[in-house]
Amino acid sequence: MKPVEAMSAADEAAIGTQLGRSPRGVAGVAWRCPCGQPGVVATEPRLPDGTPFPTTYYLTCRRATAGCSTLEAEGVMAEMAERLETDPELATAYHRAHQSYLADRAELGEVPEIDGVSAGGMPNRVKCIHALVGHALSAGPGVNPLGDEAVTALGEFWVRPCVGDDQQEQDQSVQDQQGGIGTTKIKDGDS
């Protein structure tokens, strides 16, 4: 596991804005968006209330989350799942991603209830692009092949930060609605 940054008070506030709720069980910031905000948090495998939580890398960036939802709605998961069944090299690499995910979570703690369970459907299926993108961004390129593909498909989602100046957001929204400069493929969405 790459080192995670301690979550500062500013990070916690930004993550709360991104999620629309207080973050729970955060071990630290696993990936920081080029805009400077947290984009993925590493989450403890057991939440403070005792609930086992297998999603170690939790995508918090609203733009990335919206983009992942769009990819899922466009059928990208089904296409990935088909390829996973017919491409042995991809299946092997995806299984390695699963093992990497489990090893990273083990560094944060052992939770018997979720032993062997990673996230996103790994190692045999594709269930959640959000989880695969969170893993790919946090671990870096070359670890999760399907997560890397999804990150590429998202493009530069950070060009418009998901947390920031409200007036900038309003101006951008008007431009998007009018089809003007600044229109992006990925629209805002709730996380």
N, C-alpha and C. Protein backbone atom coordinates (compact mmCIF):
# COMPACT_ATOMS: atom_id res chain seq x y z
N MET A 1 0.85 -1.18 0.00
CA MET A 1 0.00 0.00 0.00
C MET A 1 0.89 1.23 0.00
N LYS A 2 0.55 2.16 -0.90
CA LYS A 2 1.24 3.43 -0.87
C LYS A 2 0.86 4.14 0.43
N PRO A 3 1.77 4.94 0.96
CA PRO A 3 1.42 5.66 2.19
C PRO A 3 0.21 6.57 1.97
N VAL A 4 -0.64 6.63 2.98
CA VAL A 4 -1.79 7.53 2.92
C VAL A 4 -1.46 8.76 3.76
N GLU A 5 -2.01 9.90 3.34
CA GLU A 5 -1.82 11.14 4.09
C GLU A 5 -2.83 11.19 5.22
N ALA A 6 -2.41 11.71 6.34
CA ALA A 6 -3.35 11.92 7.43
C ALA A 6 -4.43 12.89 6.97
N MET A 7 -5.64 12.65 7.39
CA MET A 7 -6.76 13.52 7.02
C MET A 7 -6.74 14.76 7.92
N SER A 8 -6.57 15.93 7.30
CA SER A 8 -6.59 17.18 8.04
C SER A 8 -8.04 17.61 8.27
N ALA A 9 -8.22 18.64 9.09
CA ALA A 9 -9.56 19.18 9.31
C ALA A 9 -10.14 19.71 7.99
N ALA A 10 -9.29 20.34 7.16
CA ALA A 10 -9.75 20.84 5.86
C ALA A 10 -10.14 19.68 4.95
N ASP A 11 -9.35 18.60 4.99
CA ASP A 11 -9.70 17.41 4.20
C ASP A 11 -11.04 16.84 4.64
N GLU A 12 -11.22 16.74 5.94
CA GLU A 12 -12.47 16.19 6.48
C GLU A 12 -13.66 17.02 6.03
N ALA A 13 -13.51 18.35 6.05
CA ALA A 13 -14.59 19.24 5.61
C ALA A 13 -14.85 19.05 4.11
N ALA A 14 -13.78 18.95 3.31
CA ALA A 14 -13.95 18.75 1.87
C ALA A 14 -14.63 17.42 1.58
N ILE A 15 -14.20 16.36 2.27
CA ILE A 15 -14.80 15.03 2.07
C ILE A 15 -16.27 15.05 2.49
N GLY A 16 -16.57 15.73 3.58
CA GLY A 16 -17.96 15.86 4.01
C GLY A 16 -18.80 16.55 2.94
N THR A 17 -18.24 17.57 2.30
CA THR A 17 -18.95 18.26 1.22
C THR A 17 -19.12 17.33 0.03
N GLN A 18 -18.05 16.60 -0.32
CA GLN A 18 -18.12 15.68 -1.45
C GLN A 18 -19.19 14.61 -1.24
N LEU A 19 -19.23 14.05 -0.04
CA LEU A 19 -20.14 12.93 0.25
C LEU A 19 -21.53 13.39 0.69
N GLY A 20 -21.62 14.60 1.18
CA GLY A 20 -22.89 15.08 1.72
C GLY A 20 -23.16 14.52 3.10
N ARG A 21 -22.12 14.05 3.75
CA ARG A 21 -22.22 13.50 5.11
C ARG A 21 -20.83 13.47 5.71
N SER A 22 -20.75 13.24 7.00
CA SER A 22 -19.44 13.11 7.65
C SER A 22 -18.78 11.80 7.22
N PRO A 23 -17.49 11.85 6.92
CA PRO A 23 -16.80 10.60 6.56
C PRO A 23 -16.68 9.69 7.79
N ARG A 24 -16.67 8.37 7.54
CA ARG A 24 -16.58 7.40 8.63
C ARG A 24 -15.38 6.49 8.41
N GLY A 25 -14.67 6.21 9.46
CA GLY A 25 -13.61 5.21 9.42
C GLY A 25 -12.46 5.53 8.48
N VAL A 26 -12.16 6.79 8.27
CA VAL A 26 -11.11 7.17 7.32
C VAL A 26 -9.74 6.94 7.94
N ALA A 27 -8.92 6.15 7.25
CA ALA A 27 -7.53 5.93 7.68
C ALA A 27 -6.64 7.05 7.15
N GLY A 28 -7.03 7.67 6.06
CA GLY A 28 -6.26 8.77 5.49
C GLY A 28 -6.66 9.01 4.05
N VAL A 29 -6.02 10.02 3.45
CA VAL A 29 -6.25 10.34 2.05
C VAL A 29 -5.33 9.46 1.21
N ALA A 30 -5.93 8.62 0.39
CA ALA A 30 -5.16 7.66 -0.43
C ALA A 30 -4.76 8.25 -1.78
N TRP A 31 -5.54 9.18 -2.27
CA TRP A 31 -5.21 9.86 -3.54
C TRP A 31 -5.77 11.25 -3.48
N ARG A 32 -4.91 12.19 -3.85
CA ARG A 32 -5.31 13.59 -3.87
C ARG A 32 -5.42 14.03 -5.31
N CYS A 33 -6.54 14.63 -5.63
CA CYS A 33 -6.81 15.13 -6.96
C CYS A 33 -5.81 16.23 -7.33
N PRO A 34 -5.47 16.38 -8.61
CA PRO A 34 -4.60 17.48 -8.99
C PRO A 34 -5.13 18.85 -8.58
N CYS A 35 -6.44 18.96 -8.32
CA CYS A 35 -7.01 20.24 -7.86
C CYS A 35 -6.65 20.50 -6.40
N GLY A 36 -6.08 19.51 -5.72
CA GLY A 36 -5.65 19.66 -4.34
C GLY A 36 -6.57 19.03 -3.31
N GLN A 37 -7.78 18.70 -3.71
CA GLN A 37 -8.74 18.10 -2.77
C GLN A 37 -8.54 16.59 -2.67
N PRO A 38 -8.99 15.99 -1.56
CA PRO A 38 -8.98 14.53 -1.48
C PRO A 38 -9.88 13.98 -2.60
N GLY A 39 -9.46 12.89 -3.22
CA GLY A 39 -10.25 12.25 -4.27
C GLY A 39 -10.62 10.82 -3.92
N VAL A 40 -9.77 10.18 -3.12
CA VAL A 40 -10.01 8.81 -2.65
C VAL A 40 -9.52 8.75 -1.21
N VAL A 41 -10.32 8.15 -0.34
CA VAL A 41 -9.87 7.92 1.03
C VAL A 41 -9.64 6.43 1.24
N ALA A 42 -8.66 6.15 2.08
CA ALA A 42 -8.47 4.77 2.55
C ALA A 42 -9.35 4.64 3.79
N THR A 43 -10.15 3.60 3.79
CA THR A 43 -11.11 3.40 4.88
C THR A 43 -10.71 2.18 5.70
N GLU A 44 -10.84 2.31 7.00
CA GLU A 44 -10.56 1.19 7.90
C GLU A 44 -11.47 0.02 7.54
N PRO A 45 -10.98 -1.21 7.66
CA PRO A 45 -11.81 -2.36 7.32
C PRO A 45 -12.95 -2.63 8.30
N ARG A 46 -12.93 -1.95 9.42
CA ARG A 46 -14.05 -2.02 10.37
C ARG A 46 -14.39 -0.59 10.75
N LEU A 47 -15.64 -0.21 10.48
CA LEU A 47 -16.08 1.15 10.79
C LEU A 47 -16.18 1.34 12.30
N PRO A 48 -16.19 2.59 12.76
CA PRO A 48 -16.25 2.84 14.21
C PRO A 48 -17.43 2.16 14.92
N ASP A 49 -18.53 1.91 14.20
CA ASP A 49 -19.68 1.24 14.83
C ASP A 49 -19.55 -0.28 14.83
N GLY A 50 -18.40 -0.78 14.32
CA GLY A 50 -18.16 -2.23 14.32
C GLY A 50 -18.51 -2.93 13.02
N THR A 51 -19.11 -2.22 12.07
CA THR A 51 -19.50 -2.82 10.79
C THR A 51 -18.28 -3.13 9.94
N PRO A 52 -18.16 -4.36 9.45
CA PRO A 52 -17.07 -4.67 8.50
C PRO A 52 -17.28 -3.86 7.22
N PHE A 53 -16.19 -3.32 6.67
CA PHE A 53 -16.30 -2.47 5.49
C PHE A 53 -15.21 -2.86 4.49
N PRO A 54 -15.56 -3.62 3.45
CA PRO A 54 -14.54 -4.13 2.53
C PRO A 54 -13.96 -3.09 1.56
N THR A 55 -14.63 -1.95 1.38
CA THR A 55 -14.17 -0.97 0.40
C THR A 55 -13.04 -0.13 0.99
N THR A 56 -11.82 -0.59 0.79
CA THR A 56 -10.65 0.10 1.33
C THR A 56 -10.46 1.45 0.66
N TYR A 57 -10.60 1.49 -0.66
CA TYR A 57 -10.40 2.74 -1.41
C TYR A 57 -11.75 3.29 -1.82
N TYR A 58 -12.17 4.36 -1.14
CA TYR A 58 -13.50 4.92 -1.34
C TYR A 58 -13.38 6.22 -2.13
N LEU A 59 -13.94 6.22 -3.33
CA LEU A 59 -13.91 7.37 -4.21
C LEU A 59 -14.80 8.47 -3.65
N THR A 60 -14.23 9.65 -3.40
CA THR A 60 -15.01 10.75 -2.83
C THR A 60 -15.25 11.89 -3.80
N CYS A 61 -14.41 12.04 -4.80
CA CYS A 61 -14.55 13.15 -5.75
C CYS A 61 -15.87 13.04 -6.49
N ARG A 62 -16.70 14.08 -6.39
CA ARG A 62 -18.02 14.04 -7.01
C ARG A 62 -17.94 13.94 -8.53
N ARG A 63 -16.98 14.59 -9.13
CA ARG A 63 -16.87 14.53 -10.60
C ARG A 63 -16.47 13.12 -11.05
N ALA A 64 -15.51 12.53 -10.36
CA ALA A 64 -15.10 11.16 -10.70
C ALA A 64 -16.25 10.19 -10.44
N THR A 65 -16.95 10.37 -9.33
CA THR A 65 -18.08 9.51 -8.99
C THR A 65 -19.17 9.61 -10.05
N ALA A 66 -19.48 10.83 -10.47
CA ALA A 66 -20.49 11.02 -11.51
C ALA A 66 -20.04 10.37 -12.82
N GLY A 67 -18.77 10.52 -13.13
CA GLY A 67 -18.24 9.91 -14.35
C GLY A 67 -18.33 8.39 -14.31
N CYS A 68 -18.03 7.81 -13.14
CA CYS A 68 -18.15 6.36 -12.99
C CYS A 68 -19.60 5.91 -13.16
N SER A 69 -20.52 6.67 -12.61
CA SER A 69 -21.93 6.33 -12.77
C SER A 69 -22.34 6.38 -14.23
N THR A 70 -21.82 7.36 -14.96
CA THR A 70 -22.11 7.46 -16.39
C THR A 70 -21.56 6.25 -17.13
N LEU A 71 -20.32 5.86 -16.83
CA LEU A 71 -19.73 4.67 -17.47
C LEU A 71 -20.59 3.43 -17.18
N GLU A 72 -21.02 3.29 -15.95
CA GLU A 72 -21.86 2.14 -15.60
C GLU A 72 -23.17 2.17 -16.39
N ALA A 73 -23.79 3.35 -16.47
CA ALA A 73 -25.06 3.48 -17.20
C ALA A 73 -24.88 3.21 -18.70
N GLU A 74 -23.70 3.46 -19.22
CA GLU A 74 -23.42 3.23 -20.64
C GLU A 74 -23.05 1.78 -20.95
N GLY A 75 -23.05 0.91 -19.92
CA GLY A 75 -22.80 -0.50 -20.15
C GLY A 75 -21.34 -0.91 -20.12
N VAL A 76 -20.48 -0.05 -19.61
CA VAL A 76 -19.05 -0.38 -19.59
C VAL A 76 -18.77 -1.60 -18.70
N MET A 77 -19.51 -1.74 -17.60
CA MET A 77 -19.29 -2.91 -16.72
C MET A 77 -19.55 -4.20 -17.46
N ALA A 78 -20.63 -4.25 -18.21
CA ALA A 78 -20.97 -5.48 -18.95
C ALA A 78 -19.90 -5.79 -19.98
N GLU A 79 -19.40 -4.78 -20.66
CA GLU A 79 -18.34 -4.97 -21.65
C GLU A 79 -17.07 -5.49 -20.98
N MET A 80 -16.73 -4.91 -19.84
CA MET A 80 -15.54 -5.36 -19.10
C MET A 80 -15.72 -6.80 -18.64
N ALA A 81 -16.91 -7.13 -18.14
CA ALA A 81 -17.17 -8.48 -17.66
C ALA A 81 -17.05 -9.51 -18.78
N GLU A 82 -17.54 -9.16 -19.96
CA GLU A 82 -17.39 -10.06 -21.12
C GLU A 82 -15.93 -10.31 -21.43
N ARG A 83 -15.16 -9.25 -21.46
CA ARG A 83 -13.73 -9.39 -21.76
C ARG A 83 -13.01 -10.19 -20.69
N LEU A 84 -13.44 -10.03 -19.45
CA LEU A 84 -12.84 -10.77 -18.35
C LEU A 84 -13.03 -12.28 -18.53
N GLU A 85 -14.17 -12.66 -19.09
CA GLU A 85 -14.46 -14.08 -19.32
C GLU A 85 -13.71 -14.66 -20.51
N THR A 86 -13.33 -13.82 -21.46
CA THR A 86 -12.73 -14.34 -22.70
C THR A 86 -11.25 -14.03 -22.85
N ASP A 87 -10.68 -13.20 -21.98
CA ASP A 87 -9.28 -12.80 -22.10
C ASP A 87 -8.51 -13.29 -20.87
N PRO A 88 -7.78 -14.41 -21.01
CA PRO A 88 -7.06 -14.98 -19.86
C PRO A 88 -6.01 -14.04 -19.27
N GLU A 89 -5.35 -13.26 -20.10
CA GLU A 89 -4.35 -12.31 -19.58
C GLU A 89 -5.01 -11.25 -18.71
N LEU A 90 -6.14 -10.74 -19.18
CA LEU A 90 -6.87 -9.75 -18.41
C LEU A 90 -7.35 -10.36 -17.10
N ALA A 91 -7.87 -11.57 -17.15
CA ALA A 91 -8.35 -12.25 -15.94
C ALA A 91 -7.22 -12.44 -14.93
N THR A 92 -6.05 -12.80 -15.41
CA THR A 92 -4.89 -12.98 -14.52
C THR A 92 -4.48 -11.65 -13.89
N ALA A 93 -4.43 -10.59 -14.69
CA ALA A 93 -4.06 -9.28 -14.17
C ALA A 93 -5.10 -8.77 -13.17
N TYR A 94 -6.36 -9.03 -13.44
CA TYR A 94 -7.44 -8.61 -12.55
C TYR A 94 -7.37 -9.38 -11.22
N HIS A 95 -7.00 -10.64 -11.30
CA HIS A 95 -6.83 -11.43 -10.08
C HIS A 95 -5.67 -10.87 -9.25
N ARG A 96 -4.59 -10.45 -9.92
CA ARG A 96 -3.48 -9.82 -9.20
C ARG A 96 -3.95 -8.52 -8.53
N ALA A 97 -4.82 -7.77 -9.20
CA ALA A 97 -5.37 -6.54 -8.61
C ALA A 97 -6.14 -6.87 -7.33
N HIS A 98 -6.92 -7.94 -7.38
CA HIS A 98 -7.66 -8.41 -6.21
C HIS A 98 -6.70 -8.72 -5.05
N GLN A 99 -5.63 -9.44 -5.35
CA GLN A 99 -4.65 -9.79 -4.32
C GLN A 99 -3.98 -8.53 -3.75
N SER A 100 -3.70 -7.56 -4.62
CA SER A 100 -3.11 -6.30 -4.18
C SER A 100 -4.06 -5.56 -3.24
N TYR A 101 -5.33 -5.55 -3.59
CA TYR A 101 -6.35 -4.88 -2.78
C TYR A 101 -6.41 -5.52 -1.39
N LEU A 102 -6.43 -6.85 -1.36
CA LEU A 102 -6.49 -7.55 -0.08
C LEU A 102 -5.25 -7.28 0.77
N ALA A 103 -4.09 -7.24 0.14
CA ALA A 103 -2.84 -6.95 0.86
C ALA A 103 -2.87 -5.53 1.43
N ASP A 104 -3.37 -4.59 0.65
CA ASP A 104 -3.46 -3.20 1.13
C ASP A 104 -4.39 -3.12 2.34
N ARG A 105 -5.54 -3.77 2.25
CA ARG A 105 -6.49 -3.73 3.37
C ARG A 105 -5.89 -4.39 4.61
N ALA A 106 -5.15 -5.47 4.43
CA ALA A 106 -4.55 -6.17 5.57
C ALA A 106 -3.59 -5.24 6.34
N GLU A 107 -2.99 -4.29 5.64
CA GLU A 107 -2.12 -3.34 6.33
C GLU A 107 -2.91 -2.44 7.27
N LEU A 108 -4.19 -2.30 7.02
CA LEU A 108 -5.05 -1.46 7.86
C LEU A 108 -5.71 -2.25 8.99
N GLY A 109 -5.72 -3.57 8.88
CA GLY A 109 -6.31 -4.41 9.90
C GLY A 109 -6.98 -5.63 9.31
N GLU A 110 -7.11 -6.64 10.13
CA GLU A 110 -7.77 -7.88 9.72
C GLU A 110 -9.19 -7.91 10.25
N VAL A 111 -10.12 -8.26 9.37
CA VAL A 111 -11.53 -8.39 9.75
C VAL A 111 -12.00 -9.73 9.18
N PRO A 112 -12.13 -10.76 10.02
CA PRO A 112 -12.46 -12.09 9.53
C PRO A 112 -13.73 -12.17 8.68
N GLU A 113 -14.72 -11.33 8.97
CA GLU A 113 -15.98 -11.38 8.24
C GLU A 113 -15.83 -11.06 6.76
N ILE A 114 -14.78 -10.33 6.39
CA ILE A 114 -14.60 -9.94 4.99
C ILE A 114 -13.30 -10.51 4.42
N ASP A 115 -12.76 -11.51 5.09
CA ASP A 115 -11.53 -12.15 4.61
C ASP A 115 -11.72 -12.68 3.19
N GLY A 116 -10.84 -12.30 2.29
CA GLY A 116 -10.91 -12.77 0.91
C GLY A 116 -11.83 -11.96 0.02
N VAL A 117 -12.57 -11.00 0.58
CA VAL A 117 -13.49 -10.16 -0.19
C VAL A 117 -12.80 -8.83 -0.45
N SER A 118 -12.65 -8.49 -1.72
CA SER A 118 -12.05 -7.18 -2.02
C SER A 118 -13.18 -6.21 -2.35
N ALA A 119 -13.21 -5.67 -3.55
CA ALA A 119 -14.26 -4.70 -3.91
C ALA A 119 -14.42 -4.67 -5.42
N GLY A 120 -15.51 -4.10 -5.85
CA GLY A 120 -15.73 -3.90 -7.28
C GLY A 120 -16.04 -5.16 -8.06
N GLY A 121 -16.21 -6.29 -7.35
CA GLY A 121 -16.49 -7.55 -8.02
C GLY A 121 -15.25 -8.42 -8.21
N MET A 122 -14.07 -7.87 -7.88
CA MET A 122 -12.84 -8.65 -8.05
C MET A 122 -12.93 -9.93 -7.24
N PRO A 123 -12.37 -11.01 -7.69
CA PRO A 123 -11.51 -11.16 -8.86
C PRO A 123 -12.23 -11.70 -10.10
N ASN A 124 -13.51 -12.05 -9.99
CA ASN A 124 -14.15 -12.77 -11.10
C ASN A 124 -15.19 -11.99 -11.89
N ARG A 125 -15.58 -10.83 -11.41
CA ARG A 125 -16.61 -10.08 -12.11
C ARG A 125 -16.37 -8.58 -11.95
N VAL A 126 -17.18 -7.79 -12.61
CA VAL A 126 -17.09 -6.34 -12.50
C VAL A 126 -18.42 -5.87 -11.95
N LYS A 127 -18.38 -5.35 -10.73
CA LYS A 127 -19.60 -4.99 -10.02
C LYS A 127 -19.72 -3.49 -9.78
N CYS A 128 -18.57 -2.79 -9.66
CA CYS A 128 -18.61 -1.37 -9.30
C CYS A 128 -17.39 -0.65 -9.85
N ILE A 129 -17.61 0.17 -10.86
CA ILE A 129 -16.51 0.92 -11.46
C ILE A 129 -15.94 1.93 -10.46
N HIS A 130 -16.78 2.47 -9.59
CA HIS A 130 -16.30 3.42 -8.58
C HIS A 130 -15.17 2.80 -7.75
N ALA A 131 -15.37 1.56 -7.31
CA ALA A 131 -14.36 0.89 -6.48
C ALA A 131 -13.10 0.61 -7.28
N LEU A 132 -13.25 0.24 -8.54
CA LEU A 132 -12.08 -0.04 -9.37
C LEU A 132 -11.28 1.23 -9.63
N VAL A 133 -11.96 2.34 -9.86
CA VAL A 133 -11.29 3.62 -10.07
C VAL A 133 -10.59 4.08 -8.79
N GLY A 134 -11.26 3.93 -7.65
CA GLY A 134 -10.63 4.28 -6.38
C GLY A 134 -9.34 3.50 -6.16
N HIS A 135 -9.37 2.22 -6.49
CA HIS A 135 -8.18 1.39 -6.36
C HIS A 135 -7.10 1.83 -7.33
N ALA A 136 -7.47 2.03 -8.59
CA ALA A 136 -6.50 2.41 -9.61
C ALA A 136 -5.83 3.75 -9.29
N LEU A 137 -6.61 4.73 -8.86
CA LEU A 137 -6.03 6.03 -8.53
C LEU A 137 -5.10 5.93 -7.33
N SER A 138 -5.49 5.16 -6.33
CA SER A 138 -4.69 5.04 -5.11
C SER A 138 -3.44 4.21 -5.29
N ALA A 139 -3.55 3.11 -6.00
CA ALA A 139 -2.42 2.21 -6.17
C ALA A 139 -1.47 2.67 -7.28
N GLY A 140 -2.00 3.44 -8.22
CA GLY A 140 -1.19 3.90 -9.34
C GLY A 140 -1.39 3.01 -10.55
N PRO A 141 -0.96 3.50 -11.71
CA PRO A 141 -1.14 2.74 -12.95
C PRO A 141 -0.45 1.37 -12.92
N GLY A 142 -1.08 0.41 -13.58
CA GLY A 142 -0.49 -0.91 -13.73
C GLY A 142 -0.90 -1.92 -12.68
N VAL A 143 -1.67 -1.51 -11.69
CA VAL A 143 -2.08 -2.44 -10.64
C VAL A 143 -3.45 -3.05 -10.94
N ASN A 144 -4.40 -2.22 -11.33
CA ASN A 144 -5.76 -2.70 -11.61
C ASN A 144 -6.10 -2.37 -13.07
N PRO A 145 -6.02 -3.36 -13.96
CA PRO A 145 -6.18 -3.06 -15.39
C PRO A 145 -7.54 -2.48 -15.76
N LEU A 146 -8.61 -2.96 -15.16
CA LEU A 146 -9.92 -2.42 -15.48
C LEU A 146 -10.14 -1.07 -14.82
N GLY A 147 -9.58 -0.88 -13.65
CA GLY A 147 -9.61 0.43 -13.02
C GLY A 147 -8.84 1.45 -13.85
N ASP A 148 -7.68 1.04 -14.37
CA ASP A 148 -6.90 1.94 -15.24
C ASP A 148 -7.70 2.32 -16.49
N GLU A 149 -8.39 1.36 -17.08
CA GLU A 149 -9.22 1.64 -18.26
C GLU A 149 -10.30 2.66 -17.93
N ALA A 150 -10.93 2.48 -16.79
CA ALA A 150 -12.00 3.40 -16.39
C ALA A 150 -11.45 4.79 -16.12
N VAL A 151 -10.29 4.88 -15.48
CA VAL A 151 -9.67 6.19 -15.24
C VAL A 151 -9.40 6.89 -16.57
N THR A 152 -8.88 6.14 -17.54
CA THR A 152 -8.63 6.71 -18.87
C THR A 152 -9.94 7.20 -19.50
N ALA A 153 -10.98 6.40 -19.36
CA ALA A 153 -12.28 6.77 -19.94
C ALA A 153 -12.86 8.02 -19.28
N LEU A 154 -12.55 8.24 -18.01
CA LEU A 154 -13.05 9.42 -17.31
C LEU A 154 -12.43 10.71 -17.85
N GLY A 155 -11.21 10.62 -18.33
CA GLY A 155 -10.53 11.82 -18.78
C GLY A 155 -10.11 12.69 -17.60
N GLU A 156 -9.89 13.95 -17.86
CA GLU A 156 -9.40 14.88 -16.84
C GLU A 156 -10.57 15.47 -16.04
N PHE A 157 -11.19 14.62 -15.24
CA PHE A 157 -12.37 15.04 -14.47
C PHE A 157 -12.05 16.14 -13.47
N TRP A 158 -10.81 16.31 -13.09
CA TRP A 158 -10.40 17.27 -12.08
C TRP A 158 -10.25 18.69 -12.62
N VAL A 159 -10.41 18.88 -13.93
CA VAL A 159 -10.26 20.20 -14.51
C VAL A 159 -11.19 21.19 -13.81
N ARG A 160 -12.37 20.73 -13.46
CA ARG A 160 -13.31 21.53 -12.66
C ARG A 160 -13.40 20.88 -11.28
N PRO A 161 -12.75 21.46 -10.28
CA PRO A 161 -12.78 20.85 -8.94
C PRO A 161 -14.20 20.63 -8.44
N CYS A 162 -14.38 19.56 -7.68
CA CYS A 162 -15.72 19.24 -7.18
C CYS A 162 -16.05 20.01 -5.91
N VAL A 163 -15.06 20.57 -5.27
CA VAL A 163 -15.27 21.37 -4.07
C VAL A 163 -14.54 22.68 -4.29
N GLY A 164 -15.26 23.77 -4.21
CA GLY A 164 -14.58 25.04 -4.41
C GLY A 164 -15.53 26.20 -4.44
N ASP A 165 -15.15 27.16 -5.23
CA ASP A 165 -15.88 28.41 -5.32
C ASP A 165 -17.29 28.18 -5.87
N ASP A 166 -18.30 28.53 -5.09
CA ASP A 166 -19.69 28.33 -5.51
C ASP A 166 -20.03 29.14 -6.75
N GLN A 167 -19.50 30.36 -6.87
CA GLN A 167 -19.80 31.17 -8.04
C GLN A 167 -19.22 30.52 -9.29
N GLN A 168 -18.01 29.96 -9.18
CA GLN A 168 -17.41 29.26 -10.31
C GLN A 168 -18.29 28.08 -10.73
N GLU A 169 -18.82 27.37 -9.76
CA GLU A 169 -19.71 26.24 -10.05
C GLU A 169 -20.97 26.72 -10.78
N GLN A 170 -21.56 27.83 -10.30
CA GLN A 170 -22.77 28.34 -10.93
C GLN A 170 -22.49 28.81 -12.35
N ASP A 171 -21.36 29.53 -12.55
CA ASP A 171 -20.99 30.00 -13.88
C ASP A 171 -20.79 28.81 -14.82
N GLN A 172 -20.12 27.77 -14.32
CA GLN A 172 -19.85 26.59 -15.15
C GLN A 172 -21.14 25.88 -15.50
N SER A 173 -22.07 25.81 -14.54
CA SER A 173 -23.34 25.15 -14.78
C SER A 173 -24.12 25.86 -15.89
N VAL A 174 -24.10 27.19 -15.87
CA VAL A 174 -24.78 27.95 -16.92
C VAL A 174 -24.13 27.67 -18.27
N GLN A 175 -22.79 27.64 -18.31
CA GLN A 175 -22.09 27.34 -19.57
C GLN A 175 -22.45 25.95 -20.07
N ASP A 176 -22.49 24.99 -19.16
CA ASP A 176 -22.81 23.61 -19.54
C ASP A 176 -24.22 23.53 -20.12
N GLN A 177 -25.17 24.20 -19.48
CA GLN A 177 -26.55 24.15 -19.94
C GLN A 177 -26.70 24.80 -21.31
N GLN A 178 -25.86 25.80 -21.58
CA GLN A 178 -25.93 26.49 -22.85
C GLN A 178 -25.04 25.84 -23.91
N GLY A 179 -24.31 24.81 -23.52
CA GLY A 179 -23.43 24.12 -24.47
C GLY A 179 -22.21 24.95 -24.82
N GLY A 180 -21.85 25.87 -23.94
CA GLY A 180 -20.73 26.77 -24.21
C GLY A 180 -19.40 26.18 -23.80
N ILE A 181 -18.42 27.04 -23.80
CA ILE A 181 -17.07 26.65 -23.41
C ILE A 181 -17.12 26.08 -22.00
N GLY A 182 -16.38 25.03 -21.79
CA GLY A 182 -16.33 24.42 -20.48
C GLY A 182 -17.23 23.21 -20.35
N THR A 183 -17.98 22.89 -21.39
CA THR A 183 -18.82 21.71 -21.34
C THR A 183 -17.93 20.48 -21.27
N THR A 184 -18.23 19.59 -20.37
CA THR A 184 -17.45 18.37 -20.23
C THR A 184 -18.36 17.17 -20.41
N LYS A 185 -17.72 16.01 -20.63
CA LYS A 185 -18.49 14.77 -20.78
C LYS A 185 -19.12 14.36 -19.46
N ILE A 186 -18.49 14.68 -18.37
CA ILE A 186 -18.91 14.20 -17.08
C ILE A 186 -19.63 15.31 -16.35
N LYS A 187 -20.84 15.06 -15.98
CA LYS A 187 -21.66 16.05 -15.28
C LYS A 187 -21.63 15.77 -13.79
N ASP A 188 -22.01 16.79 -13.01
CA ASP A 188 -22.11 16.62 -11.56
C ASP A 188 -23.11 15.54 -11.23
N GLY A 189 -22.88 14.88 -10.13
CA GLY A 189 -23.82 13.88 -9.65
C GLY A 189 -23.66 13.73 -8.16
N ASP A 190 -24.62 13.19 -7.53
CA ASP A 190 -24.54 12.97 -6.10
C ASP A 190 -23.77 11.70 -5.84
N SER A 191 -22.99 11.71 -4.80
CA SER A 191 -22.23 10.53 -4.40
C SER A 191 -22.98 9.78 -3.34
